[in-house]
Amino acid sequence: MALNLYLSRIQRLDILIRKKSTGSPKELAEKLGISERWLFHLLDEIREELDCPIRYNRLRRSYEYEKPGKVMIGFLNEAELDIKSLKSTNGGHLLHSMYLYIQ
């Protein structure tokens, strides 16, 4: 249950970042149902562990990716996985049976 909630927060964060509609850190924390302190912890973890290029744009009052992309989290059957396309994209990682892809 905790993992599902954690991953759903990351997915929600990704959607808000791509829409450039996160708002201030306080507003974003409220949207995700977490404290500001936990938000900063989550952002640091995503930047470090997933190598996501996230920054805060003060003019837009929103977090944004420094380059176009998105976070995708899920399971892909090896028979469905196209290794050639994964190798040709920058930032693709295959970790055991968990597929994590950052464009």
PDB file of N, CA and C in Angstrom:
ATOM      1  N   MET A   1       0.825  -1.195   0.000  1.00  0.00           N
ATOM      2  CA  MET A   1       0.000   0.000   0.000  1.00  0.00           C
ATOM      3  C   MET A   1       0.865   1.253   0.000  1.00  0.00           C
ATOM      4  N   ALA A   2       1.894   1.295   0.844  1.00  0.00           N
ATOM      5  CA  ALA A   2       2.744   2.485   0.930  1.00  0.00           C
ATOM      6  C   ALA A   2       3.471   2.737  -0.389  1.00  0.00           C
ATOM      7  N   LEU A   3       3.937   1.694  -1.038  1.00  0.00           N
ATOM      8  CA  LEU A   3       4.630   1.849  -2.317  1.00  0.00           C
ATOM      9  C   LEU A   3       3.682   2.413  -3.369  1.00  0.00           C
ATOM     10  N   ASN A   4       2.457   1.895  -3.407  1.00  0.00           N
ATOM     11  CA  ASN A   4       1.465   2.368  -4.365  1.00  0.00           C
ATOM     12  C   ASN A   4       1.185   3.858  -4.167  1.00  0.00           C
ATOM     13  N   LEU A   5       1.037   4.287  -2.930  1.00  0.00           N
ATOM     14  CA  LEU A   5       0.793   5.696  -2.620  1.00  0.00           C
ATOM     15  C   LEU A   5       1.989   6.545  -3.026  1.00  0.00           C
ATOM     16  N   TYR A   6       3.184   6.075  -2.737  1.00  0.00           N
ATOM     17  CA  TYR A   6       4.414   6.791  -3.081  1.00  0.00           C
ATOM     18  C   TYR A   6       4.538   6.960  -4.596  1.00  0.00           C
ATOM     19  N   LEU A   7       4.316   5.878  -5.337  1.00  0.00           N
ATOM     20  CA  LEU A   7       4.411   5.934  -6.796  1.00  0.00           C
ATOM     21  C   LEU A   7       3.312   6.802  -7.398  1.00  0.00           C
ATOM     22  N   SER A   8       2.115   6.757  -6.824  1.00  0.00           N
ATOM     23  CA  SER A   8       1.034   7.595  -7.351  1.00  0.00           C
ATOM     24  C   SER A   8       1.333   9.069  -7.116  1.00  0.00           C
ATOM     25  N   ARG A   9       2.006   9.400  -6.023  1.00  0.00           N
ATOM     26  CA  ARG A   9       2.415  10.788  -5.786  1.00  0.00           C
ATOM     27  C   ARG A   9       3.456  11.230  -6.813  1.00  0.00           C
ATOM     28  N   ILE A  10       4.381  10.348  -7.130  1.00  0.00           N
ATOM     29  CA  ILE A  10       5.387  10.673  -8.148  1.00  0.00           C
ATOM     30  C   ILE A  10       4.708  10.886  -9.500  1.00  0.00           C
ATOM     31  N   GLN A  11       3.753  10.038  -9.836  1.00  0.00           N
ATOM     32  CA  GLN A  11       3.038  10.194 -11.104  1.00  0.00           C
ATOM     33  C   GLN A  11       2.233  11.489 -11.131  1.00  0.00           C
ATOM     34  N   ARG A  12       1.564  11.808 -10.031  1.00  0.00           N
ATOM     35  CA  ARG A  12       0.789  13.061  -9.948  1.00  0.00           C
ATOM     36  C   ARG A  12       1.730  14.259 -10.058  1.00  0.00           C
ATOM     37  N   LEU A  13       2.865  14.195  -9.378  1.00  0.00           N
ATOM     38  CA  LEU A  13       3.861  15.261  -9.447  1.00  0.00           C
ATOM     39  C   LEU A  13       4.328  15.447 -10.887  1.00  0.00           C
ATOM     40  N   ASP A  14       4.599  14.359 -11.580  1.00  0.00           N
ATOM     41  CA  ASP A  14       5.038  14.422 -12.973  1.00  0.00           C
ATOM     42  C   ASP A  14       3.993  15.111 -13.848  1.00  0.00           C
ATOM     43  N   ILE A  15       2.735  14.770 -13.674  1.00  0.00           N
ATOM     44  CA  ILE A  15       1.659  15.386 -14.458  1.00  0.00           C
ATOM     45  C   ILE A  15       1.602  16.887 -14.204  1.00  0.00           C
ATOM     46  N   LEU A  16       1.653  17.282 -12.940  1.00  0.00           N
ATOM     47  CA  LEU A  16       1.597  18.703 -12.595  1.00  0.00           C
ATOM     48  C   LEU A  16       2.810  19.460 -13.131  1.00  0.00           C
ATOM     49  N   ILE A  17       3.978  18.837 -13.077  1.00  0.00           N
ATOM     50  CA  ILE A  17       5.188  19.483 -13.602  1.00  0.00           C
ATOM     51  C   ILE A  17       5.071  19.657 -15.114  1.00  0.00           C
ATOM     52  N   ARG A  18       4.621  18.623 -15.819  1.00  0.00           N
ATOM     53  CA  ARG A  18       4.502  18.738 -17.276  1.00  0.00           C
ATOM     54  C   ARG A  18       3.456  19.767 -17.686  1.00  0.00           C
ATOM     55  N   LYS A  19       2.412  19.938 -16.876  1.00  0.00           N
ATOM     56  CA  LYS A  19       1.393  20.960 -17.146  1.00  0.00           C
ATOM     57  C   LYS A  19       1.849  22.348 -16.701  1.00  0.00           C
ATOM     58  N   LYS A  20       2.976  22.375 -15.991  1.00  0.00           N
ATOM     59  CA  LYS A  20       3.500  23.618 -15.405  1.00  0.00           C
ATOM     60  C   LYS A  20       2.446  24.270 -14.522  1.00  0.00           C
ATOM     61  N   SER A  21       1.799  23.441 -13.709  1.00  0.00           N
ATOM     62  CA  SER A  21       0.738  23.930 -12.835  1.00  0.00           C
ATOM     63  C   SER A  21       0.905  23.436 -11.403  1.00  0.00           C
ATOM     64  N   THR A  22       2.157  23.393 -10.941  1.00  0.00           N
ATOM     65  CA  THR A  22       2.390  22.928  -9.576  1.00  0.00           C
ATOM     66  C   THR A  22       2.040  23.995  -8.555  1.00  0.00           C
ATOM     67  N   GLY A  23       2.215  25.266  -8.924  1.00  0.00           N
ATOM     68  CA  GLY A  23       2.056  26.338  -7.952  1.00  0.00           C
ATOM     69  C   GLY A  23       3.292  26.407  -7.076  1.00  0.00           C
ATOM     70  N   SER A  24       3.160  27.133  -5.996  1.00  0.00           N
ATOM     71  CA  SER A  24       4.269  27.276  -5.047  1.00  0.00           C
ATOM     72  C   SER A  24       4.520  25.943  -4.349  1.00  0.00           C
ATOM     73  N   PRO A  25       5.656  25.806  -3.669  1.00  0.00           N
ATOM     74  CA  PRO A  25       5.896  24.567  -2.927  1.00  0.00           C
ATOM     75  C   PRO A  25       4.769  24.251  -1.936  1.00  0.00           C
ATOM     76  N   LYS A  26       4.257  25.268  -1.268  1.00  0.00           N
ATOM     77  CA  LYS A  26       3.160  25.049  -0.311  1.00  0.00           C
ATOM     78  C   LYS A  26       1.916  24.525  -1.029  1.00  0.00           C
ATOM     79  N   GLU A  27       1.579  25.127  -2.172  1.00  0.00           N
ATOM     80  CA  GLU A  27       0.410  24.685  -2.943  1.00  0.00           C
ATOM     81  C   GLU A  27       0.601  23.270  -3.476  1.00  0.00           C
ATOM     82  N   LEU A  28       1.799  22.975  -3.946  1.00  0.00           N
ATOM     83  CA  LEU A  28       2.081  21.641  -4.471  1.00  0.00           C
ATOM     84  C   LEU A  28       1.981  20.594  -3.372  1.00  0.00           C
ATOM     85  N   ALA A  29       2.514  20.901  -2.216  1.00  0.00           N
ATOM     86  CA  ALA A  29       2.426  19.967  -1.089  1.00  0.00           C
ATOM     87  C   ALA A  29       0.962  19.669  -0.765  1.00  0.00           C
ATOM     88  N   GLU A  30       0.125  20.698  -0.783  1.00  0.00           N
ATOM     89  CA  GLU A  30      -1.306  20.508  -0.519  1.00  0.00           C
ATOM     90  C   GLU A  30      -1.950  19.638  -1.598  1.00  0.00           C
ATOM     91  N   LYS A  31      -1.588  19.864  -2.855  1.00  0.00           N
ATOM     92  CA  LYS A  31      -2.139  19.064  -3.959  1.00  0.00           C
ATOM     93  C   LYS A  31      -1.769  17.595  -3.825  1.00  0.00           C
ATOM     94  N   LEU A  32      -0.573  17.337  -3.298  1.00  0.00           N
ATOM     95  CA  LEU A  32      -0.098  15.956  -3.145  1.00  0.00           C
ATOM     96  C   LEU A  32      -0.485  15.347  -1.802  1.00  0.00           C
ATOM     97  N   GLY A  33      -1.028  16.167  -0.910  1.00  0.00           N
ATOM     98  CA  GLY A  33      -1.436  15.667   0.405  1.00  0.00           C
ATOM     99  C   GLY A  33      -0.272  15.372   1.332  1.00  0.00           C
ATOM    100  N   ILE A  34       0.801  16.158   1.207  1.00  0.00           N
ATOM    101  CA  ILE A  34       1.979  15.970   2.053  1.00  0.00           C
ATOM    102  C   ILE A  34       2.427  17.323   2.602  1.00  0.00           C
ATOM    103  N   SER A  35       3.346  17.301   3.546  1.00  0.00           N
ATOM    104  CA  SER A  35       3.886  18.545   4.097  1.00  0.00           C
ATOM    105  C   SER A  35       4.927  19.124   3.139  1.00  0.00           C
ATOM    106  N   GLU A  36       5.219  20.417   3.310  1.00  0.00           N
ATOM    107  CA  GLU A  36       6.268  21.039   2.486  1.00  0.00           C
ATOM    108  C   GLU A  36       7.604  20.346   2.701  1.00  0.00           C
ATOM    109  N   ARG A  37       7.876  20.015   3.954  1.00  0.00           N
ATOM    110  CA  ARG A  37       9.143  19.342   4.268  1.00  0.00           C
ATOM    111  C   ARG A  37       9.252  18.023   3.505  1.00  0.00           C
ATOM    112  N   TRP A  38       8.162  17.242   3.492  1.00  0.00           N
ATOM    113  CA  TRP A  38       8.168  15.969   2.779  1.00  0.00           C
ATOM    114  C   TRP A  38       8.270  16.198   1.270  1.00  0.00           C
ATOM    115  N   LEU A  39       7.649  17.284   0.767  1.00  0.00           N
ATOM    116  CA  LEU A  39       7.750  17.621  -0.655  1.00  0.00           C
ATOM    117  C   LEU A  39       9.207  17.842  -1.047  1.00  0.00           C
ATOM    118  N   PHE A  40       9.934  18.625  -0.249  1.00  0.00           N
ATOM    119  CA  PHE A  40      11.339  18.888  -0.568  1.00  0.00           C
ATOM    120  C   PHE A  40      12.159  17.602  -0.521  1.00  0.00           C
ATOM    121  N   HIS A  41      11.830  16.731   0.422  1.00  0.00           N
ATOM    122  CA  HIS A  41      12.496  15.425   0.504  1.00  0.00           C
ATOM    123  C   HIS A  41      12.197  14.609  -0.761  1.00  0.00           C
ATOM    124  N   LEU A  42      10.933  14.590  -1.180  1.00  0.00           N
ATOM    125  CA  LEU A  42      10.529  13.852  -2.375  1.00  0.00           C
ATOM    126  C   LEU A  42      11.221  14.400  -3.621  1.00  0.00           C
ATOM    127  N   LEU A  43      11.260  15.723  -3.766  1.00  0.00           N
ATOM    128  CA  LEU A  43      11.920  16.340  -4.919  1.00  0.00           C
ATOM    129  C   LEU A  43      13.411  16.012  -4.952  1.00  0.00           C
ATOM    130  N   ASP A  44      14.069  16.089  -3.800  1.00  0.00           N
ATOM    131  CA  ASP A  44      15.497  15.739  -3.734  1.00  0.00           C
ATOM    132  C   ASP A  44      15.721  14.285  -4.135  1.00  0.00           C
ATOM    133  N   GLU A  45      14.858  13.409  -3.640  1.00  0.00           N
ATOM    134  CA  GLU A  45      14.982  11.986  -3.947  1.00  0.00           C
ATOM    135  C   GLU A  45      14.793  11.729  -5.445  1.00  0.00           C
ATOM    136  N   ILE A  46      13.810  12.373  -6.048  1.00  0.00           N
ATOM    137  CA  ILE A  46      13.547  12.192  -7.478  1.00  0.00           C
ATOM    138  C   ILE A  46      14.707  12.737  -8.303  1.00  0.00           C
ATOM    139  N   ARG A  47      15.231  13.873  -7.896  1.00  0.00           N
ATOM    140  CA  ARG A  47      16.381  14.447  -8.619  1.00  0.00           C
ATOM    141  C   ARG A  47      17.587  13.518  -8.545  1.00  0.00           C
ATOM    142  N   GLU A  48      17.867  13.004  -7.360  1.00  0.00           N
ATOM    143  CA  GLU A  48      19.066  12.185  -7.151  1.00  0.00           C
ATOM    144  C   GLU A  48      18.897  10.757  -7.658  1.00  0.00           C
ATOM    145  N   GLU A  49      17.818  10.096  -7.251  1.00  0.00           N
ATOM    146  CA  GLU A  49      17.640   8.675  -7.568  1.00  0.00           C
ATOM    147  C   GLU A  49      17.192   8.441  -9.008  1.00  0.00           C
ATOM    148  N   LEU A  50      16.322   9.308  -9.524  1.00  0.00           N
ATOM    149  CA  LEU A  50      15.797   9.126 -10.877  1.00  0.00           C
ATOM    150  C   LEU A  50      16.462  10.045 -11.888  1.00  0.00           C
ATOM    151  N   ASP A  51      17.358  10.886 -11.409  1.00  0.00           N
ATOM    152  CA  ASP A  51      18.093  11.815 -12.270  1.00  0.00           C
ATOM    153  C   ASP A  51      17.150  12.727 -13.060  1.00  0.00           C
ATOM    154  N   CYS A  52      16.070  13.175 -12.405  1.00  0.00           N
ATOM    155  CA  CYS A  52      15.098  14.069 -13.047  1.00  0.00           C
ATOM    156  C   CYS A  52      15.588  15.508 -12.963  1.00  0.00           C
ATOM    157  N   PRO A  53      15.611  16.200 -14.089  1.00  0.00           N
ATOM    158  CA  PRO A  53      16.073  17.592 -14.112  1.00  0.00           C
ATOM    159  C   PRO A  53      14.948  18.565 -13.726  1.00  0.00           C
ATOM    160  N   ILE A  54      14.594  18.601 -12.442  1.00  0.00           N
ATOM    161  CA  ILE A  54      13.495  19.445 -11.961  1.00  0.00           C
ATOM    162  C   ILE A  54      14.056  20.735 -11.381  1.00  0.00           C
ATOM    163  N   ARG A  55      13.420  21.850 -11.739  1.00  0.00           N
ATOM    164  CA  ARG A  55      13.785  23.144 -11.153  1.00  0.00           C
ATOM    165  C   ARG A  55      12.505  23.940 -10.907  1.00  0.00           C
ATOM    166  N   TYR A  56      12.616  24.964 -10.071  1.00  0.00           N
ATOM    167  CA  TYR A  56      11.473  25.833  -9.793  1.00  0.00           C
ATOM    168  C   TYR A  56      11.606  27.100 -10.618  1.00  0.00           C
ATOM    169  N   ASN A  57      10.548  27.457 -11.350  1.00  0.00           N
ATOM    170  CA  ASN A  57      10.517  28.669 -12.158  1.00  0.00           C
ATOM    171  C   ASN A  57       9.729  29.722 -11.382  1.00  0.00           C
ATOM    172  N   ARG A  58      10.430  30.728 -10.861  1.00  0.00           N
ATOM    173  CA  ARG A  58       9.779  31.751 -10.037  1.00  0.00           C
ATOM    174  C   ARG A  58       8.797  32.604 -10.826  1.00  0.00           C
ATOM    175  N   LEU A  59       9.072  32.848 -12.104  1.00  0.00           N
ATOM    176  CA  LEU A  59       8.157  33.656 -12.915  1.00  0.00           C
ATOM    177  C   LEU A  59       6.820  32.947 -13.133  1.00  0.00           C
ATOM    178  N   ARG A  60       6.873  31.657 -13.399  1.00  0.00           N
ATOM    179  CA  ARG A  60       5.649  30.870 -13.613  1.00  0.00           C
ATOM    180  C   ARG A  60       5.042  30.373 -12.309  1.00  0.00           C
ATOM    181  N   ARG A  61       5.817  30.457 -11.246  1.00  0.00           N
ATOM    182  CA  ARG A  61       5.405  29.912  -9.947  1.00  0.00           C
ATOM    183  C   ARG A  61       5.046  28.433 -10.084  1.00  0.00           C
ATOM    184  N   SER A  62       5.958  27.701 -10.714  1.00  0.00           N
ATOM    185  CA  SER A  62       5.736  26.277 -10.925  1.00  0.00           C
ATOM    186  C   SER A  62       7.071  25.562 -11.096  1.00  0.00           C
ATOM    187  N   TYR A  63       7.093  24.304 -10.673  1.00  0.00           N
ATOM    188  CA  TYR A  63       8.239  23.458 -10.983  1.00  0.00           C
ATOM    189  C   TYR A  63       8.140  23.077 -12.451  1.00  0.00           C
ATOM    190  N   GLU A  64       9.289  22.801 -13.058  1.00  0.00           N
ATOM    191  CA  GLU A  64       9.324  22.402 -14.459  1.00  0.00           C
ATOM    192  C   GLU A  64      10.524  21.498 -14.684  1.00  0.00           C
ATOM    193  N   TYR A  65      10.485  20.760 -15.793  1.00  0.00           N
ATOM    194  CA  TYR A  65      11.646  19.977 -16.200  1.00  0.00           C
ATOM    195  C   TYR A  65      12.561  20.881 -17.012  1.00  0.00           C
ATOM    196  N   GLU A  66      13.855  20.744 -16.820  1.00  0.00           N
ATOM    197  CA  GLU A  66      14.822  21.554 -17.558  1.00  0.00           C
ATOM    198  C   GLU A  66      14.860  21.173 -19.034  1.00  0.00           C
ATOM    199  N   LYS A  67      14.412  19.965 -19.348  1.00  0.00           N
ATOM    200  CA  LYS A  67      14.304  19.515 -20.738  1.00  0.00           C
ATOM    201  C   LYS A  67      13.031  18.683 -20.850  1.00  0.00           C
ATOM    202  N   PRO A  68      12.444  18.599 -22.056  1.00  0.00           N
ATOM    203  CA  PRO A  68      11.189  17.861 -22.223  1.00  0.00           C
ATOM    204  C   PRO A  68      11.332  16.398 -21.817  1.00  0.00           C
ATOM    205  N   GLY A  69      10.309  15.871 -21.162  1.00  0.00           N
ATOM    206  CA  GLY A  69      10.318  14.472 -20.764  1.00  0.00           C
ATOM    207  C   GLY A  69       9.216  14.171 -19.785  1.00  0.00           C
ATOM    208  N   LYS A  70       9.162  12.928 -19.350  1.00  0.00           N
ATOM    209  CA  LYS A  70       8.182  12.517 -18.359  1.00  0.00           C
ATOM    210  C   LYS A  70       8.690  11.283 -17.629  1.00  0.00           C
ATOM    211  N   VAL A  71       8.122  11.028 -16.467  1.00  0.00           N
ATOM    212  CA  VAL A  71       8.463   9.857 -15.669  1.00  0.00           C
ATOM    213  C   VAL A  71       7.411   8.797 -15.953  1.00  0.00           C
ATOM    214  N   MET A  72       7.872   7.590 -16.263  1.00  0.00           N
ATOM    215  CA  MET A  72       6.961   6.474 -16.490  1.00  0.00           C
ATOM    216  C   MET A  72       7.362   5.346 -15.549  1.00  0.00           C
ATOM    217  N   ILE A  73       6.402   4.876 -14.768  1.00  0.00           N
ATOM    218  CA  ILE A  73       6.674   3.810 -13.814  1.00  0.00           C
ATOM    219  C   ILE A  73       5.667   2.697 -14.052  1.00  0.00           C
ATOM    220  N   GLY A  74       6.140   1.482 -14.206  1.00  0.00           N
ATOM    221  CA  GLY A  74       5.247   0.357 -14.406  1.00  0.00           C
ATOM    222  C   GLY A  74       6.012  -0.899 -14.775  1.00  0.00           C
ATOM    223  N   PHE A  75       5.291  -1.977 -14.948  1.00  0.00           N
ATOM    224  CA  PHE A  75       5.881  -3.258 -15.300  1.00  0.00           C
ATOM    225  C   PHE A  75       5.633  -3.530 -16.774  1.00  0.00           C
ATOM    226  N   LEU A  76       6.666  -3.960 -17.476  1.00  0.00           N
ATOM    227  CA  LEU A  76       6.535  -4.384 -18.866  1.00  0.00           C
ATOM    228  C   LEU A  76       7.030  -5.816 -18.987  1.00  0.00           C
ATOM    229  N   ASN A  77       6.247  -6.650 -19.607  1.00  0.00           N
ATOM    230  CA  ASN A  77       6.634  -8.017 -19.886  1.00  0.00           C
ATOM    231  C   ASN A  77       7.814  -7.980 -20.851  1.00  0.00           C
ATOM    232  N   GLU A  78       8.829  -8.802 -20.616  1.00  0.00           N
ATOM    233  CA  GLU A  78      10.012  -8.797 -21.476  1.00  0.00           C
ATOM    234  C   GLU A  78       9.658  -9.054 -22.938  1.00  0.00           C
ATOM    235  N   ALA A  79       8.621  -9.827 -23.188  1.00  0.00           N
ATOM    236  CA  ALA A  79       8.210 -10.093 -24.565  1.00  0.00           C
ATOM    237  C   ALA A  79       7.685  -8.823 -25.228  1.00  0.00           C
ATOM    238  N   GLU A  80       7.151  -7.896 -24.426  1.00  0.00           N
ATOM    239  CA  GLU A  80       6.605  -6.648 -24.957  1.00  0.00           C
ATOM    240  C   GLU A  80       7.645  -5.541 -25.014  1.00  0.00           C
ATOM    241  N   LEU A  81       8.762  -5.741 -24.361  1.00  0.00           N
ATOM    242  CA  LEU A  81       9.780  -4.708 -24.263  1.00  0.00           C
ATOM    243  C   LEU A  81      10.641  -4.673 -25.518  1.00  0.00           C
ATOM    244  N   ASP A  82      10.707  -3.536 -26.155  1.00  0.00           N
ATOM    245  CA  ASP A  82      11.514  -3.359 -27.354  1.00  0.00           C
ATOM    246  C   ASP A  82      12.873  -2.814 -26.922  1.00  0.00           C
ATOM    247  N   ILE A  83      13.846  -3.682 -26.765  1.00  0.00           N
ATOM    248  CA  ILE A  83      15.176  -3.302 -26.284  1.00  0.00           C
ATOM    249  C   ILE A  83      15.831  -2.274 -27.196  1.00  0.00           C
ATOM    250  N   LYS A  84      15.652  -2.407 -28.497  1.00  0.00           N
ATOM    251  CA  LYS A  84      16.285  -1.461 -29.418  1.00  0.00           C
ATOM    252  C   LYS A  84      15.799  -0.043 -29.177  1.00  0.00           C
ATOM    253  N   SER A  85      14.494   0.142 -28.978  1.00  0.00           N
ATOM    254  CA  SER A  85      13.988   1.497 -28.747  1.00  0.00           C
ATOM    255  C   SER A  85      14.432   2.006 -27.381  1.00  0.00           C
ATOM    256  N   LEU A  86      14.546   1.116 -26.405  1.00  0.00           N
ATOM    257  CA  LEU A  86      15.015   1.522 -25.084  1.00  0.00           C
ATOM    258  C   LEU A  86      16.462   1.991 -25.153  1.00  0.00           C
ATOM    259  N   LYS A  87      17.295   1.265 -25.904  1.00  0.00           N
ATOM    260  CA  LYS A  87      18.705   1.633 -26.026  1.00  0.00           C
ATOM    261  C   LYS A  87      18.891   2.926 -26.811  1.00  0.00           C
ATOM    262  N   SER A  88      17.968   3.225 -27.726  1.00  0.00           N
ATOM    263  CA  SER A  88      18.123   4.415 -28.559  1.00  0.00           C
ATOM    264  C   SER A  88      17.638   5.690 -27.877  1.00  0.00           C
ATOM    265  N   THR A  89      16.989   5.567 -26.717  1.00  0.00           N
ATOM    266  CA  THR A  89      16.515   6.758 -26.017  1.00  0.00           C
ATOM    267  C   THR A  89      17.483   7.122 -24.912  1.00  0.00           C
ATOM    268  N   ASN A  90      17.630   8.385 -24.679  1.00  0.00           N
ATOM    269  CA  ASN A  90      18.507   8.851 -23.599  1.00  0.00           C
ATOM    270  C   ASN A  90      17.796   8.687 -22.272  1.00  0.00           C
ATOM    271  N   GLY A  91      18.492   8.137 -21.310  1.00  0.00           N
ATOM    272  CA  GLY A  91      17.952   8.048 -19.963  1.00  0.00           C
ATOM    273  C   GLY A  91      17.127   6.822 -19.684  1.00  0.00           C
ATOM    274  N   GLY A  92      17.027   5.873 -20.599  1.00  0.00           N
ATOM    275  CA  GLY A  92      16.254   4.673 -20.333  1.00  0.00           C
ATOM    276  C   GLY A  92      17.015   3.736 -19.415  1.00  0.00           C
ATOM    277  N   HIS A  93      16.315   3.168 -18.447  1.00  0.00           N
ATOM    278  CA  HIS A  93      16.934   2.238 -17.507  1.00  0.00           C
ATOM    279  C   HIS A  93      16.023   1.031 -17.359  1.00  0.00           C
ATOM    280  N   LEU A  94      16.577  -0.148 -17.342  1.00  0.00           N
ATOM    281  CA  LEU A  94      15.817  -1.349 -17.062  1.00  0.00           C
ATOM    282  C   LEU A  94      16.363  -1.918 -15.765  1.00  0.00           C
ATOM    283  N   LEU A  95      15.544  -1.900 -14.739  1.00  0.00           N
ATOM    284  CA  LEU A  95      15.960  -2.379 -13.429  1.00  0.00           C
ATOM    285  C   LEU A  95      15.151  -3.622 -13.098  1.00  0.00           C
ATOM    286  N   HIS A  96      15.779  -4.768 -13.161  1.00  0.00           N
ATOM    287  CA  HIS A  96      15.120  -6.044 -12.910  1.00  0.00           C
ATOM    288  C   HIS A  96      13.850  -6.110 -13.750  1.00  0.00           C
ATOM    289  N   SER A  97      12.703  -6.325 -13.126  1.00  0.00           N
ATOM    290  CA  SER A  97      11.447  -6.377 -13.868  1.00  0.00           C
ATOM    291  C   SER A  97      10.683  -5.066 -13.779  1.00  0.00           C
ATOM    292  N   MET A  98      11.243  -4.096 -13.107  1.00  0.00           N
ATOM    293  CA  MET A  98      10.593  -2.793 -12.976  1.00  0.00           C
ATOM    294  C   MET A  98      11.107  -1.895 -14.080  1.00  0.00           C
ATOM    295  N   TYR A  99      10.242  -1.294 -14.845  1.00  0.00           N
ATOM    296  CA  TYR A  99      10.615  -0.439 -15.959  1.00  0.00           C
ATOM    297  C   TYR A  99      10.470   1.007 -15.528  1.00  0.00           C
ATOM    298  N   LEU A 100      11.551   1.728 -15.551  1.00  0.00           N
ATOM    299  CA  LEU A 100      11.540   3.140 -15.211  1.00  0.00           C
ATOM    300  C   LEU A 100      12.191   3.878 -16.353  1.00  0.00           C
ATOM    301  N   TYR A 101      11.469   4.774 -16.961  1.00  0.00           N
ATOM    302  CA  TYR A 101      11.946   5.450 -18.151  1.00  0.00           C
ATOM    303  C   TYR A 101      11.757   6.943 -17.997  1.00  0.00           C
ATOM    304  N   ILE A 102      12.801   7.690 -18.207  1.00  0.00           N
ATOM    305  CA  ILE A 102      12.739   9.140 -18.160  1.00  0.00           C
ATOM    306  C   ILE A 102      13.232   9.640 -19.495  1.00  0.00           C
ATOM    307  N   GLN A 103      12.359  10.311 -20.238  1.00  0.00           N
ATOM    308  CA  GLN A 103      12.748  10.820 -21.550  1.00  0.00           C
ATOM    309  C   GLN A 103      13.572  12.060 -21.390  1.00  0.00           C
TER     310      GLN A 103
END
